[in-house]
Amino acid sequence: MASVSQGRALIGLTLLFYLAHMIVCDPIVVDVVFKYKSNVDLDCSQFGDEQVTFYKVEEKNDTAENSQQERVVVQSVKDKIRIEKNVLHITDLRKEEMTANYICETKDKKQIQFINKIVPHLFKPEKQSQTVTEGGSVELECVLLYGDVTKDKDIAWTWSHGNETELDASRVTIVPDAKSGNLSSTSKLIIKNVNEADKGTYTCGVSNKYGEHSETLQLRVKNTLSALWPFLAIVVEVIILCVIILVYEKKCGKKPQTSDEDNEQAQNLMGRESDAKKRSVKA
């Protein structure tokens, strides 16, 4: 009986040990907001003076079904990454930092897991300014640079024209439609039968519960007759040139005309002057 009791006691102590170990090593999960080109601090100072190692955790997708995590020790980088008093400081967040999660871990395996919550950010529009003729159609587009619509269901798109957020639904279509509940990394504003009132600045915005970002696009509208202006300018130039030619010819036509008799007298006069010069030379 004594051996059975000792065995049960040993098993109980072993279970308590593993339970205590699991409780101690159960990681603390902290959400951290990551914003493009901003700074972030990952704080593990709650471990006091214990030595802490920071790891960057990235997902490596070998296949569509197989995804593995890779841990890389974070090292200090001048003007970019530094570790002070168990706090990891990252400046000017870019793709390499935005797409990773981070862990700090002590020697006895106590952990804090930092889960990045990304503020959505847009690409700079490829066509920031467009020109369209009245009566035509135009498509304005915004594309998500950072933010995952497959994981973040709170991402929302908005469009506005100047200070107007309510656009003419009979001519303006937004894809995807916010009311449809469909999520996409691209949003398009399509305007049909464009008129003069449609010109101006359009703002495309994307947001989630962590922040927002927007870009502006310019739309210029040409009058339907604007294509004729170059032709009309050429016609006016031709008319002006013809007027100048006619005026010149008219002025030239007013010059006094000399008769054959006048020409003959002039020649005789020139001949006499020539003979007089010859005589004076001989003398």
C-alpha atoms as a PDB file:
ATOM      1  CA  MET A   1       0.000   0.000   0.000  1.00  0.00           C
ATOM      2  CA  ALA A   2       2.842   2.334   0.837  1.00  0.00           C
ATOM      3  CA  SER A   3       4.405   1.819  -2.592  1.00  0.00           C
ATOM      4  CA  VAL A   4       1.061   2.506  -4.281  1.00  0.00           C
ATOM      5  CA  SER A   5       0.641   5.719  -2.292  1.00  0.00           C
ATOM      6  CA  GLN A   6       4.177   6.789  -3.149  1.00  0.00           C
ATOM      7  CA  GLY A   7       3.515   6.072  -6.816  1.00  0.00           C
ATOM      8  CA  ARG A   8       0.346   8.153  -6.784  1.00  0.00           C
ATOM      9  CA  ALA A   9       2.154  10.951  -4.992  1.00  0.00           C
ATOM     10  CA  LEU A  10       4.949  10.858  -7.578  1.00  0.00           C
ATOM     11  CA  ILE A  11       2.452  10.965 -10.438  1.00  0.00           C
ATOM     12  CA  GLY A  12       0.641  13.872  -8.772  1.00  0.00           C
ATOM     13  CA  LEU A  13       3.848  15.816  -8.309  1.00  0.00           C
ATOM     14  CA  THR A  14       4.812  15.168 -11.929  1.00  0.00           C
ATOM     15  CA  LEU A  15       1.449  16.436 -13.158  1.00  0.00           C
ATOM     16  CA  LEU A  16       1.721  19.517 -10.973  1.00  0.00           C
ATOM     17  CA  PHE A  17       5.213  20.169 -12.302  1.00  0.00           C
ATOM     18  CA  TYR A  18       4.106  19.977 -15.927  1.00  0.00           C
ATOM     19  CA  LEU A  19       1.004  22.053 -15.190  1.00  0.00           C
ATOM     20  CA  ALA A  20       3.099  24.715 -13.487  1.00  0.00           C
ATOM     21  CA  HIS A  21       5.561  24.630 -16.367  1.00  0.00           C
ATOM     22  CA  MET A  22       2.765  25.112 -18.890  1.00  0.00           C
ATOM     23  CA  ILE A  23       1.318  27.987 -16.893  1.00  0.00           C
ATOM     24  CA  VAL A  24       4.689  29.715 -16.639  1.00  0.00           C
ATOM     25  CA  CYS A  25       5.551  29.156 -20.314  1.00  0.00           C
ATOM     26  CA  ASP A  26       2.136  30.068 -21.704  1.00  0.00           C
ATOM     27  CA  PRO A  27       2.998  33.099 -23.868  1.00  0.00           C
ATOM     28  CA  ILE A  28       1.503  36.527 -23.371  1.00  0.00           C
ATOM     29  CA  VAL A  29      -0.128  37.761 -26.589  1.00  0.00           C
ATOM     30  CA  VAL A  30      -0.016  41.495 -27.337  1.00  0.00           C
ATOM     31  CA  ASP A  31      -1.550  43.248 -30.356  1.00  0.00           C
ATOM     32  CA  VAL A  32       0.685  45.997 -31.807  1.00  0.00           C
ATOM     33  CA  VAL A  33      -0.375  48.522 -34.446  1.00  0.00           C
ATOM     34  CA  PHE A  34       2.003  48.678 -37.421  1.00  0.00           C
ATOM     35  CA  LYS A  35       1.752  51.721 -39.702  1.00  0.00           C
ATOM     36  CA  TYR A  36       3.768  52.161 -42.897  1.00  0.00           C
ATOM     37  CA  LYS A  37       6.788  54.505 -42.514  1.00  0.00           C
ATOM     38  CA  SER A  38       6.111  55.023 -38.794  1.00  0.00           C
ATOM     39  CA  ASN A  39       7.920  53.755 -35.662  1.00  0.00           C
ATOM     40  CA  VAL A  40       6.956  51.000 -33.228  1.00  0.00           C
ATOM     41  CA  ASP A  41       8.185  49.843 -29.787  1.00  0.00           C
ATOM     42  CA  LEU A  42       7.902  46.199 -28.651  1.00  0.00           C
ATOM     43  CA  ASP A  43       8.098  46.255 -24.857  1.00  0.00           C
ATOM     44  CA  CYS A  44       9.367  43.268 -22.860  1.00  0.00           C
ATOM     45  CA  SER A  45      10.550  45.299 -19.887  1.00  0.00           C
ATOM     46  CA  GLN A  46       8.112  43.439 -17.615  1.00  0.00           C
ATOM     47  CA  PHE A  47      10.718  40.659 -17.420  1.00  0.00           C
ATOM     48  CA  GLY A  48      12.940  43.042 -15.492  1.00  0.00           C
ATOM     49  CA  ASP A  49      16.659  42.380 -15.703  1.00  0.00           C
ATOM     50  CA  GLU A  50      16.267  38.922 -17.238  1.00  0.00           C
ATOM     51  CA  GLN A  51      18.083  38.457 -20.520  1.00  0.00           C
ATOM     52  CA  VAL A  52      15.624  38.623 -23.404  1.00  0.00           C
ATOM     53  CA  THR A  53      16.012  37.568 -27.036  1.00  0.00           C
ATOM     54  CA  PHE A  54      13.813  39.045 -29.738  1.00  0.00           C
ATOM     55  CA  TYR A  55      12.752  36.922 -32.716  1.00  0.00           C
ATOM     56  CA  LYS A  56      11.130  37.890 -35.990  1.00  0.00           C
ATOM     57  CA  VAL A  57       8.592  35.269 -37.070  1.00  0.00           C
ATOM     58  CA  GLU A  58       7.825  34.932 -40.770  1.00  0.00           C
ATOM     59  CA  GLU A  59       5.591  32.481 -42.586  1.00  0.00           C
ATOM     60  CA  LYS A  60       7.226  30.460 -45.343  1.00  0.00           C
ATOM     61  CA  ASN A  61       4.696  29.041 -47.790  1.00  0.00           C
ATOM     62  CA  ASP A  62       6.180  26.002 -49.527  1.00  0.00           C
ATOM     63  CA  THR A  63       2.846  25.134 -51.104  1.00  0.00           C
ATOM     64  CA  ALA A  64      -0.683  26.449 -50.928  1.00  0.00           C
ATOM     65  CA  GLU A  65      -1.498  23.926 -48.204  1.00  0.00           C
ATOM     66  CA  ASN A  66       1.829  23.859 -46.375  1.00  0.00           C
ATOM     67  CA  SER A  67       2.816  26.926 -44.340  1.00  0.00           C
ATOM     68  CA  GLN A  68       5.738  26.978 -41.909  1.00  0.00           C
ATOM     69  CA  GLN A  69       7.001  29.606 -39.498  1.00  0.00           C
ATOM     70  CA  GLU A  70      10.631  30.665 -39.415  1.00  0.00           C
ATOM     71  CA  ARG A  71      12.173  32.392 -36.392  1.00  0.00           C
ATOM     72  CA  VAL A  72      15.092  34.751 -36.910  1.00  0.00           C
ATOM     73  CA  VAL A  73      16.969  36.492 -34.096  1.00  0.00           C
ATOM     74  CA  VAL A  74      16.573  40.258 -34.343  1.00  0.00           C
ATOM     75  CA  GLN A  75      19.869  42.142 -34.461  1.00  0.00           C
ATOM     76  CA  SER A  76      20.462  45.858 -33.991  1.00  0.00           C
ATOM     77  CA  VAL A  77      20.756  47.861 -37.220  1.00  0.00           C
ATOM     78  CA  LYS A  78      22.046  51.443 -37.225  1.00  0.00           C
ATOM     79  CA  ASP A  79      19.271  54.036 -37.611  1.00  0.00           C
ATOM     80  CA  LYS A  80      16.729  51.239 -38.041  1.00  0.00           C
ATOM     81  CA  ILE A  81      16.564  48.736 -35.163  1.00  0.00           C
ATOM     82  CA  ARG A  82      17.845  49.034 -31.604  1.00  0.00           C
ATOM     83  CA  ILE A  83      17.278  47.119 -28.355  1.00  0.00           C
ATOM     84  CA  GLU A  84      17.379  49.011 -25.056  1.00  0.00           C
ATOM     85  CA  LYS A  85      16.324  47.715 -21.630  1.00  0.00           C
ATOM     86  CA  ASN A  86      14.364  44.817 -23.124  1.00  0.00           C
ATOM     87  CA  VAL A  87      12.502  47.112 -25.534  1.00  0.00           C
ATOM     88  CA  LEU A  88      12.806  46.642 -29.295  1.00  0.00           C
ATOM     89  CA  HIS A  89      12.602  49.950 -31.207  1.00  0.00           C
ATOM     90  CA  ILE A  90      11.928  49.794 -34.971  1.00  0.00           C
ATOM     91  CA  THR A  91      11.927  53.001 -37.023  1.00  0.00           C
ATOM     92  CA  ASP A  92      10.506  53.681 -40.503  1.00  0.00           C
ATOM     93  CA  LEU A  93       8.483  50.493 -40.883  1.00  0.00           C
ATOM     94  CA  ARG A  94       8.689  48.967 -44.361  1.00  0.00           C
ATOM     95  CA  LYS A  95       7.610  45.712 -46.009  1.00  0.00           C
ATOM     96  CA  GLU A  96      10.204  43.540 -44.270  1.00  0.00           C
ATOM     97  CA  GLU A  97       8.978  44.617 -40.825  1.00  0.00           C
ATOM     98  CA  MET A  98       5.293  45.058 -41.717  1.00  0.00           C
ATOM     99  CA  THR A  99       4.785  41.455 -42.838  1.00  0.00           C
ATOM    100  CA  ALA A 100       6.292  39.767 -39.759  1.00  0.00           C
ATOM    101  CA  ASN A 101       5.260  39.045 -36.175  1.00  0.00           C
ATOM    102  CA  TYR A 102       7.685  39.298 -33.255  1.00  0.00           C
ATOM    103  CA  ILE A 103       8.458  37.353 -30.073  1.00  0.00           C
ATOM    104  CA  CYS A 104      10.586  38.142 -27.045  1.00  0.00           C
ATOM    105  CA  GLU A 105      11.739  35.170 -24.985  1.00  0.00           C
ATOM    106  CA  THR A 106      13.695  34.695 -21.738  1.00  0.00           C
ATOM    107  CA  LYS A 107      16.144  31.899 -21.001  1.00  0.00           C
ATOM    108  CA  ASP A 108      13.470  29.980 -19.096  1.00  0.00           C
ATOM    109  CA  LYS A 109      11.167  30.195 -22.175  1.00  0.00           C
ATOM    110  CA  LYS A 110       8.803  32.872 -20.931  1.00  0.00           C
ATOM    111  CA  GLN A 111       7.418  34.672 -23.973  1.00  0.00           C
ATOM    112  CA  ILE A 112       5.548  37.687 -25.197  1.00  0.00           C
ATOM    113  CA  GLN A 113       4.121  37.335 -28.703  1.00  0.00           C
ATOM    114  CA  PHE A 114       3.535  40.561 -30.606  1.00  0.00           C
ATOM    115  CA  ILE A 115       0.837  40.246 -33.262  1.00  0.00           C
ATOM    116  CA  ASN A 116       1.037  42.967 -35.913  1.00  0.00           C
ATOM    117  CA  LYS A 117      -2.214  44.764 -36.628  1.00  0.00           C
ATOM    118  CA  ILE A 118      -1.638  46.679 -39.840  1.00  0.00           C
ATOM    119  CA  VAL A 119      -3.096  50.086 -40.641  1.00  0.00           C
ATOM    120  CA  PRO A 120      -4.115  49.804 -44.321  1.00  0.00           C
ATOM    121  CA  HIS A 121      -2.041  51.801 -46.783  1.00  0.00           C
ATOM    122  CA  LEU A 122      -2.652  52.557 -50.467  1.00  0.00           C
ATOM    123  CA  PHE A 123      -0.368  52.548 -53.484  1.00  0.00           C
ATOM    124  CA  LYS A 124       0.228  55.936 -55.048  1.00  0.00           C
ATOM    125  CA  PRO A 125      -2.332  55.952 -57.919  1.00  0.00           C
ATOM    126  CA  GLU A 126      -0.817  55.099 -61.292  1.00  0.00           C
ATOM    127  CA  LYS A 127      -3.065  57.705 -62.948  1.00  0.00           C
ATOM    128  CA  GLN A 128      -3.275  60.603 -60.517  1.00  0.00           C
ATOM    129  CA  SER A 129      -4.806  62.856 -63.163  1.00  0.00           C
ATOM    130  CA  GLN A 130      -7.166  61.918 -65.987  1.00  0.00           C
ATOM    131  CA  THR A 131      -8.903  63.895 -68.726  1.00  0.00           C
ATOM    132  CA  VAL A 132     -12.172  62.842 -70.329  1.00  0.00           C
ATOM    133  CA  THR A 133     -14.513  64.425 -72.883  1.00  0.00           C
ATOM    134  CA  GLU A 134     -18.089  65.262 -71.892  1.00  0.00           C
ATOM    135  CA  GLY A 135     -20.440  62.367 -72.485  1.00  0.00           C
ATOM    136  CA  GLY A 136     -17.699  59.769 -72.119  1.00  0.00           C
ATOM    137  CA  SER A 137     -16.865  57.464 -69.192  1.00  0.00           C
ATOM    138  CA  VAL A 138     -13.896  57.225 -66.827  1.00  0.00           C
ATOM    139  CA  GLU A 139     -12.551  54.756 -64.257  1.00  0.00           C
ATOM    140  CA  LEU A 140     -10.631  55.825 -61.141  1.00  0.00           C
ATOM    141  CA  GLU A 141      -8.767  53.105 -59.221  1.00  0.00           C
ATOM    142  CA  CYS A 142      -7.111  52.629 -55.816  1.00  0.00           C
ATOM    143  CA  VAL A 143      -5.026  49.598 -54.840  1.00  0.00           C
ATOM    144  CA  LEU A 144      -4.142  48.365 -51.349  1.00  0.00           C
ATOM    145  CA  LEU A 145      -0.400  48.268 -50.605  1.00  0.00           C
ATOM    146  CA  TYR A 146      -0.566  47.011 -46.996  1.00  0.00           C
ATOM    147  CA  GLY A 147      -3.523  45.301 -45.376  1.00  0.00           C
ATOM    148  CA  ASP A 148      -4.919  41.797 -45.856  1.00  0.00           C
ATOM    149  CA  VAL A 149      -8.617  41.661 -46.756  1.00  0.00           C
ATOM    150  CA  THR A 150      -8.607  37.879 -46.279  1.00  0.00           C
ATOM    151  CA  LYS A 151      -7.656  38.244 -42.604  1.00  0.00           C
ATOM    152  CA  ASP A 152      -9.000  41.704 -41.763  1.00  0.00           C
ATOM    153  CA  LYS A 153     -12.771  41.771 -42.246  1.00  0.00           C
ATOM    154  CA  ASP A 154     -12.974  45.352 -40.946  1.00  0.00           C
ATOM    155  CA  ILE A 155     -11.345  46.927 -44.025  1.00  0.00           C
ATOM    156  CA  ALA A 156     -13.709  49.452 -45.631  1.00  0.00           C
ATOM    157  CA  TRP A 157     -13.445  51.609 -48.771  1.00  0.00           C
ATOM    158  CA  THR A 158     -14.814  55.139 -49.250  1.00  0.00           C
ATOM    159  CA  TRP A 159     -14.965  57.613 -52.162  1.00  0.00           C
ATOM    160  CA  SER A 160     -15.760  61.311 -52.156  1.00  0.00           C
ATOM    161  CA  HIS A 161     -15.859  64.165 -54.676  1.00  0.00           C
ATOM    162  CA  GLY A 162     -14.615  67.343 -53.041  1.00  0.00           C
ATOM    163  CA  ASN A 163     -16.739  67.578 -49.878  1.00  0.00           C
ATOM    164  CA  GLU A 164     -19.476  65.347 -51.280  1.00  0.00           C
ATOM    165  CA  THR A 165     -19.649  61.774 -50.020  1.00  0.00           C
ATOM    166  CA  GLU A 166     -23.003  61.011 -51.665  1.00  0.00           C
ATOM    167  CA  LEU A 167     -22.350  60.460 -55.378  1.00  0.00           C
ATOM    168  CA  ASP A 168     -24.910  60.226 -58.197  1.00  0.00           C
ATOM    169  CA  ALA A 169     -25.880  56.542 -58.103  1.00  0.00           C
ATOM    170  CA  SER A 170     -27.484  56.739 -61.555  1.00  0.00           C
ATOM    171  CA  ARG A 171     -24.112  57.418 -63.207  1.00  0.00           C
ATOM    172  CA  VAL A 172     -21.504  56.485 -60.592  1.00  0.00           C
ATOM    173  CA  THR A 173     -20.635  52.903 -59.656  1.00  0.00           C
ATOM    174  CA  ILE A 174     -18.245  51.838 -56.893  1.00  0.00           C
ATOM    175  CA  VAL A 175     -16.684  48.371 -57.160  1.00  0.00           C
ATOM    176  CA  PRO A 176     -16.864  46.586 -54.812  1.00  0.00           C
ATOM    177  CA  ASP A 177     -20.032  48.093 -53.387  1.00  0.00           C
ATOM    178  CA  ALA A 178     -19.743  48.656 -49.619  1.00  0.00           C
ATOM    179  CA  LYS A 179     -23.289  47.317 -49.144  1.00  0.00           C
ATOM    180  CA  SER A 180     -22.475  44.032 -50.872  1.00  0.00           C
ATOM    181  CA  GLY A 181     -20.058  42.975 -48.131  1.00  0.00           C
ATOM    182  CA  ASN A 182     -17.499  41.819 -50.731  1.00  0.00           C
ATOM    183  CA  LEU A 183     -13.900  42.520 -49.761  1.00  0.00           C
ATOM    184  CA  SER A 184     -11.210  43.384 -52.305  1.00  0.00           C
ATOM    185  CA  SER A 185      -7.682  44.786 -52.369  1.00  0.00           C
ATOM    186  CA  THR A 186      -8.789  47.139 -55.178  1.00  0.00           C
ATOM    187  CA  SER A 187     -11.557  49.730 -55.343  1.00  0.00           C
ATOM    188  CA  LYS A 188     -12.824  51.401 -58.532  1.00  0.00           C
ATOM    189  CA  LEU A 189     -15.025  54.426 -59.131  1.00  0.00           C
ATOM    190  CA  ILE A 190     -16.708  54.302 -62.548  1.00  0.00           C
ATOM    191  CA  ILE A 191     -18.473  57.404 -63.911  1.00  0.00           C
ATOM    192  CA  LYS A 192     -20.662  57.184 -67.017  1.00  0.00           C
ATOM    193  CA  ASN A 193     -21.963  60.056 -69.160  1.00  0.00           C
ATOM    194  CA  VAL A 194     -19.432  62.485 -67.658  1.00  0.00           C
ATOM    195  CA  ASN A 195     -20.453  66.142 -67.470  1.00  0.00           C
ATOM    196  CA  GLU A 196     -18.797  69.412 -66.434  1.00  0.00           C
ATOM    197  CA  ALA A 197     -19.921  69.024 -62.800  1.00  0.00           C
ATOM    198  CA  ASP A 198     -17.865  65.823 -62.451  1.00  0.00           C
ATOM    199  CA  LYS A 199     -14.496  67.572 -62.713  1.00  0.00           C
ATOM    200  CA  GLY A 200     -12.399  68.135 -59.588  1.00  0.00           C
ATOM    201  CA  THR A 201     -10.648  66.186 -56.845  1.00  0.00           C
ATOM    202  CA  TYR A 202     -11.711  62.672 -55.857  1.00  0.00           C
ATOM    203  CA  THR A 203     -10.543  61.087 -52.606  1.00  0.00           C
ATOM    204  CA  CYS A 204     -10.205  57.344 -52.209  1.00  0.00           C
ATOM    205  CA  GLY A 205      -9.971  56.099 -48.601  1.00  0.00           C
ATOM    206  CA  VAL A 206      -9.420  52.762 -46.888  1.00  0.00           C
ATOM    207  CA  SER A 207      -9.725  52.106 -43.160  1.00  0.00           C
ATOM    208  CA  ASN A 208     -10.004  49.528 -40.407  1.00  0.00           C
ATOM    209  CA  LYS A 209     -10.278  49.789 -36.619  1.00  0.00           C
ATOM    210  CA  TYR A 210      -6.549  50.534 -36.352  1.00  0.00           C
ATOM    211  CA  GLY A 211      -6.352  53.511 -38.716  1.00  0.00           C
ATOM    212  CA  GLU A 212      -6.918  54.835 -42.215  1.00  0.00           C
ATOM    213  CA  HIS A 213      -5.178  56.126 -45.321  1.00  0.00           C
ATOM    214  CA  SER A 214      -6.318  58.039 -48.416  1.00  0.00           C
ATOM    215  CA  GLU A 215      -5.104  59.202 -51.833  1.00  0.00           C
ATOM    216  CA  THR A 216      -6.433  61.903 -54.179  1.00  0.00           C
ATOM    217  CA  LEU A 217      -7.059  61.794 -57.925  1.00  0.00           C
ATOM    218  CA  GLN A 218      -7.787  64.669 -60.312  1.00  0.00           C
ATOM    219  CA  LEU A 219     -10.436  64.522 -63.036  1.00  0.00           C
ATOM    220  CA  ARG A 220     -10.524  67.066 -65.881  1.00  0.00           C
ATOM    221  CA  VAL A 221     -13.510  67.324 -68.229  1.00  0.00           C
ATOM    222  CA  LYS A 222     -13.161  68.668 -71.789  1.00  0.00           C
ATOM    223  CA  ASN A 223     -16.013  70.353 -73.649  1.00  0.00           C
ATOM    224  CA  THR A 224     -17.306  68.380 -76.653  1.00  0.00           C
ATOM    225  CA  LEU A 225     -16.299  71.277 -78.927  1.00  0.00           C
ATOM    226  CA  SER A 226     -12.777  71.443 -77.556  1.00  0.00           C
ATOM    227  CA  ALA A 227     -11.528  69.117 -80.301  1.00  0.00           C
ATOM    228  CA  LEU A 228     -12.552  71.750 -82.898  1.00  0.00           C
ATOM    229  CA  TRP A 229     -10.474  74.558 -81.397  1.00  0.00           C
ATOM    230  CA  PRO A 230      -7.196  73.576 -83.123  1.00  0.00           C
ATOM    231  CA  PHE A 231      -8.995  73.421 -86.499  1.00  0.00           C
ATOM    232  CA  LEU A 232     -10.678  76.786 -85.917  1.00  0.00           C
ATOM    233  CA  ALA A 233      -7.332  78.318 -84.966  1.00  0.00           C
ATOM    234  CA  ILE A 234      -5.818  77.159 -88.275  1.00  0.00           C
ATOM    235  CA  VAL A 235      -8.777  78.592 -90.213  1.00  0.00           C
ATOM    236  CA  VAL A 236      -8.369  81.967 -88.480  1.00  0.00           C
ATOM    237  CA  GLU A 237      -4.628  81.993 -89.251  1.00  0.00           C
ATOM    238  CA  VAL A 238      -5.314  81.283 -92.939  1.00  0.00           C
ATOM    239  CA  ILE A 239      -7.906  84.079 -93.094  1.00  0.00           C
ATOM    240  CA  ILE A 240      -5.528  86.583 -91.500  1.00  0.00           C
ATOM    241  CA  LEU A 241      -2.753  85.578 -93.915  1.00  0.00           C
ATOM    242  CA  CYS A 242      -5.104  86.033 -96.916  1.00  0.00           C
ATOM    243  CA  VAL A 243      -6.148  89.491 -95.681  1.00  0.00           C
ATOM    244  CA  ILE A 244      -2.499  90.529 -95.336  1.00  0.00           C
ATOM    245  CA  ILE A 245      -1.739  89.361 -98.879  1.00  0.00           C
ATOM    246  CA  LEU A 246      -4.760  91.195-100.330  1.00  0.00           C
ATOM    247  CA  VAL A 247      -3.860  94.440 -98.539  1.00  0.00           C
ATOM    248  CA  TYR A 248      -0.275  94.215 -99.762  1.00  0.00           C
ATOM    249  CA  GLU A 249      -1.332  93.624-103.373  1.00  0.00           C
ATOM    250  CA  LYS A 250      -3.814  96.486-103.185  1.00  0.00           C
ATOM    251  CA  LYS A 251      -1.114  98.882-101.982  1.00  0.00           C
ATOM    252  CA  CYS A 252       1.268  97.755-104.694  1.00  0.00           C
ATOM    253  CA  GLY A 253      -1.433  98.311-107.325  1.00  0.00           C
ATOM    254  CA  LYS A 254      -1.644 102.024-106.437  1.00  0.00           C
ATOM    255  CA  LYS A 255       1.971 102.779-107.524  1.00  0.00           C
ATOM    256  CA  PRO A 256       2.190 105.212-110.569  1.00  0.00           C
ATOM    257  CA  GLN A 257       2.757 103.447-113.858  1.00  0.00           C
ATOM    258  CA  THR A 258       5.284 104.873-116.388  1.00  0.00           C
ATOM    259  CA  SER A 259       4.552 104.954-120.106  1.00  0.00           C
ATOM    260  CA  ASP A 260       6.909 103.915-122.918  1.00  0.00           C
ATOM    261  CA  GLU A 261       7.496 107.601-123.795  1.00  0.00           C
ATOM    262  CA  ASP A 262       8.586 108.371-120.239  1.00  0.00           C
ATOM    263  CA  ASN A 263      10.995 105.460-120.300  1.00  0.00           C
ATOM    264  CA  GLU A 264      12.502 106.659-123.580  1.00  0.00           C
ATOM    265  CA  GLN A 265      13.011 110.202-122.255  1.00  0.00           C
ATOM    266  CA  ALA A 266      14.680 108.851-119.141  1.00  0.00           C
ATOM    267  CA  GLN A 267      17.104 106.774-121.217  1.00  0.00           C
ATOM    268  CA  ASN A 268      17.974 109.783-123.423  1.00  0.00           C
ATOM    269  CA  LEU A 269      18.627 111.896-120.343  1.00  0.00           C
ATOM    270  CA  MET A 270      20.937 109.260-118.886  1.00  0.00           C
ATOM    271  CA  GLY A 271      22.777 109.047-122.235  1.00  0.00           C
ATOM    272  CA  ARG A 272      23.377 112.807-122.323  1.00  0.00           C
ATOM    273  CA  GLU A 273      24.749 112.821-118.793  1.00  0.00           C
ATOM    274  CA  SER A 274      27.143 110.030-119.753  1.00  0.00           C
ATOM    275  CA  ASP A 275      28.434 111.943-122.838  1.00  0.00           C
ATOM    276  CA  ALA A 276      28.980 115.072-120.764  1.00  0.00           C
ATOM    277  CA  LYS A 277      31.133 113.160-118.285  1.00  0.00           C
ATOM    278  CA  LYS A 278      33.295 111.711-121.088  1.00  0.00           C
ATOM    279  CA  ARG A 279      33.963 115.192-122.562  1.00  0.00           C
ATOM    280  CA  SER A 280      34.977 116.598-119.209  1.00  0.00           C
ATOM    281  CA  VAL A 281      37.482 113.792-118.762  1.00  0.00           C
ATOM    282  CA  LYS A 282      39.077 114.402-122.214  1.00  0.00           C
ATOM    283  CA  ALA A 283      39.385 118.105-121.535  1.00  0.00           C
END
